Amino acid sequence: MKNALTRPDQAPTVLVVEDDDDTRDSIRELLEERGYQVVAASNGRDAHTYLRQSTPPACVLLDLWMPVMDGWALAAEMTRGHLPRVPLVVITAAEPHWGYPAPHSRVVRKPLNPARILAVVAEAVRGNA
């Protein structure tokens, strides 16, 4: 895996919020191999802290079902304007329905498909440029 510290400053940052260590590490590695800078959080509370204290990422990949603070609550904070508004990509095994966190969020279903993740992240980042 490449070292994120050697990446150019202009590389887009993606915040990955996922409680499953293996899934989070796999997504991180996939994105870093494609040149993204990746910040990872294992729950919504850690992501919330990051979003309040850091430069907003180009997009957020967000699992919905997590301990401490779930993705639903974090997305609600983003939608209400309490956190920076950045493109949101929901990663979930839940059945699709109208109640996903944000009306314009993108959805990647589990089990995750690496090509789909890369395509949706690239689309989200382009839309945020």
Protein backbone atom coordinates (compact mmCIF):
# COMPACT_ATOMS: atom_id res chain seq x y z
CA MET A 1 0.00 0.00 0.00
CA LYS A 2 1.29 3.46 -0.87
CA ASN A 3 2.05 5.96 1.86
CA ALA A 4 -0.52 8.77 1.95
CA LEU A 5 2.19 11.21 3.05
CA THR A 6 3.88 10.99 -0.36
CA ARG A 7 0.77 12.02 -2.28
CA PRO A 8 0.49 15.42 -3.92
CA ASP A 9 -1.49 17.98 -1.94
CA GLN A 10 -4.07 18.31 -4.72
CA ALA A 11 -5.16 14.65 -4.48
CA PRO A 12 -8.83 14.54 -3.42
CA THR A 13 -9.50 13.40 0.11
CA VAL A 14 -12.20 10.81 0.77
CA LEU A 15 -13.55 10.21 4.27
CA VAL A 16 -14.45 6.53 4.72
CA VAL A 17 -16.79 5.90 7.66
CA GLU A 18 -17.19 2.16 8.25
CA ASP A 19 -17.15 0.14 11.47
CA ASP A 20 -15.95 -3.13 9.94
CA ASP A 21 -12.13 -3.06 10.00
CA ASP A 22 -11.67 -5.34 6.98
CA THR A 23 -14.16 -3.44 4.84
CA ARG A 24 -12.73 -0.07 5.86
CA ASP A 25 -9.15 -1.22 5.15
CA SER A 26 -10.14 -2.68 1.78
CA ILE A 27 -11.83 0.54 0.71
CA ARG A 28 -8.88 2.60 1.95
CA GLU A 29 -6.41 0.48 0.00
CA LEU A 30 -8.53 0.57 -3.17
CA LEU A 31 -8.86 4.35 -3.07
CA GLU A 32 -5.22 4.99 -2.16
CA GLU A 33 -4.10 2.82 -5.08
CA ARG A 34 -6.10 5.17 -7.33
CA GLY A 35 -4.41 8.26 -5.92
CA TYR A 36 -6.96 9.46 -3.38
CA GLN A 37 -6.00 10.58 0.07
CA VAL A 38 -8.09 8.63 2.56
CA VAL A 39 -9.15 9.48 6.09
CA ALA A 40 -10.90 6.66 7.90
CA ALA A 41 -13.30 6.66 10.84
CA SER A 42 -14.86 3.64 12.54
CA ASN A 43 -18.05 5.42 13.60
CA GLY A 44 -20.09 8.53 13.00
CA ARG A 45 -18.84 10.35 16.08
CA ASP A 46 -15.21 10.17 14.92
CA ALA A 47 -16.28 11.29 11.44
CA HIS A 48 -18.31 14.14 12.96
CA THR A 49 -15.23 15.34 14.84
CA TYR A 50 -13.13 15.16 11.69
CA LEU A 51 -15.69 17.09 9.65
CA ARG A 52 -15.90 19.85 12.28
CA GLN A 53 -12.16 20.25 12.70
CA SER A 54 -10.62 19.61 9.28
CA THR A 55 -10.78 20.78 5.71
CA PRO A 56 -13.87 19.16 4.15
CA PRO A 57 -13.13 16.06 2.09
CA ALA A 58 -14.11 15.76 -1.57
CA CYS A 59 -16.68 13.14 -0.56
CA VAL A 60 -17.77 10.87 2.29
CA LEU A 61 -18.34 7.12 1.99
CA LEU A 62 -20.75 6.34 4.80
CA ASP A 63 -21.93 3.05 6.26
CA LEU A 64 -25.38 3.37 7.81
CA TRP A 65 -25.30 0.77 10.58
CA MET A 66 -22.50 1.50 13.07
CA PRO A 67 -22.09 1.73 16.82
CA VAL A 68 -21.57 4.98 18.76
CA MET A 69 -23.12 7.27 16.10
CA ASP A 70 -24.66 5.63 13.05
CA GLY A 71 -24.56 6.88 9.49
CA TRP A 72 -28.18 8.04 9.64
CA ALA A 73 -27.34 10.50 12.44
CA LEU A 74 -24.18 11.74 10.74
CA ALA A 75 -25.99 12.27 7.44
CA ALA A 76 -28.73 14.17 9.28
CA GLU A 77 -26.11 16.51 10.75
CA MET A 78 -24.64 17.07 7.28
CA THR A 79 -28.08 17.66 5.72
CA ARG A 80 -29.11 20.16 8.40
CA GLY A 81 -25.98 22.19 7.74
CA HIS A 82 -24.32 21.49 11.08
CA LEU A 83 -21.37 20.03 9.18
CA PRO A 84 -19.86 20.82 5.79
CA ARG A 85 -22.03 19.74 2.88
CA VAL A 86 -20.01 17.35 0.77
CA PRO A 87 -21.09 14.60 -1.62
CA LEU A 88 -22.28 11.56 0.28
CA VAL A 89 -21.91 7.96 -0.88
CA VAL A 90 -23.90 5.51 1.23
CA ILE A 91 -22.42 2.04 1.55
CA THR A 92 -24.99 -0.40 2.87
CA ALA A 93 -26.44 -3.87 2.74
CA ALA A 94 -29.90 -2.44 3.47
CA GLU A 95 -32.57 -2.70 0.81
CA PRO A 96 -32.94 0.48 -1.25
CA HIS A 97 -35.74 2.80 -0.19
CA TRP A 98 -36.63 6.47 -0.20
CA GLY A 99 -35.31 7.00 3.31
CA TYR A 100 -31.62 7.03 2.50
CA PRO A 101 -29.89 9.84 4.38
CA ALA A 102 -29.86 12.57 1.76
CA PRO A 103 -32.05 13.03 -1.28
CA HIS A 104 -29.04 13.30 -3.56
CA SER A 105 -26.80 10.69 -1.96
CA ARG A 106 -25.31 7.97 -4.09
CA VAL A 107 -25.64 4.35 -2.94
CA VAL A 108 -23.22 1.45 -3.23
CA ARG A 109 -24.69 -1.84 -2.08
CA LYS A 110 -22.82 -4.49 -0.10
CA PRO A 111 -21.19 -6.80 -0.92
CA LEU A 112 -19.02 -4.06 -2.33
CA ASN A 113 -17.86 -4.07 -5.94
CA PRO A 114 -14.49 -2.30 -6.30
CA ALA A 115 -15.26 -0.99 -9.81
CA ARG A 116 -18.58 0.44 -8.58
CA ILE A 117 -16.90 2.14 -5.61
CA LEU A 118 -14.29 3.76 -7.85
CA ALA A 119 -16.89 4.92 -10.37
CA VAL A 120 -19.20 6.42 -7.76
CA VAL A 121 -16.37 8.11 -5.85
CA ALA A 122 -14.97 9.58 -9.09
CA GLU A 123 -18.45 10.89 -9.95
CA ALA A 124 -18.91 12.40 -6.48
CA VAL A 125 -15.49 14.03 -6.51
CA ARG A 126 -16.05 15.50 -10.00
CA GLY A 127 -19.38 16.89 -8.84
CA ASN A 128 -17.69 18.56 -5.88
CA ALA A 129 -14.81 20.11 -7.86
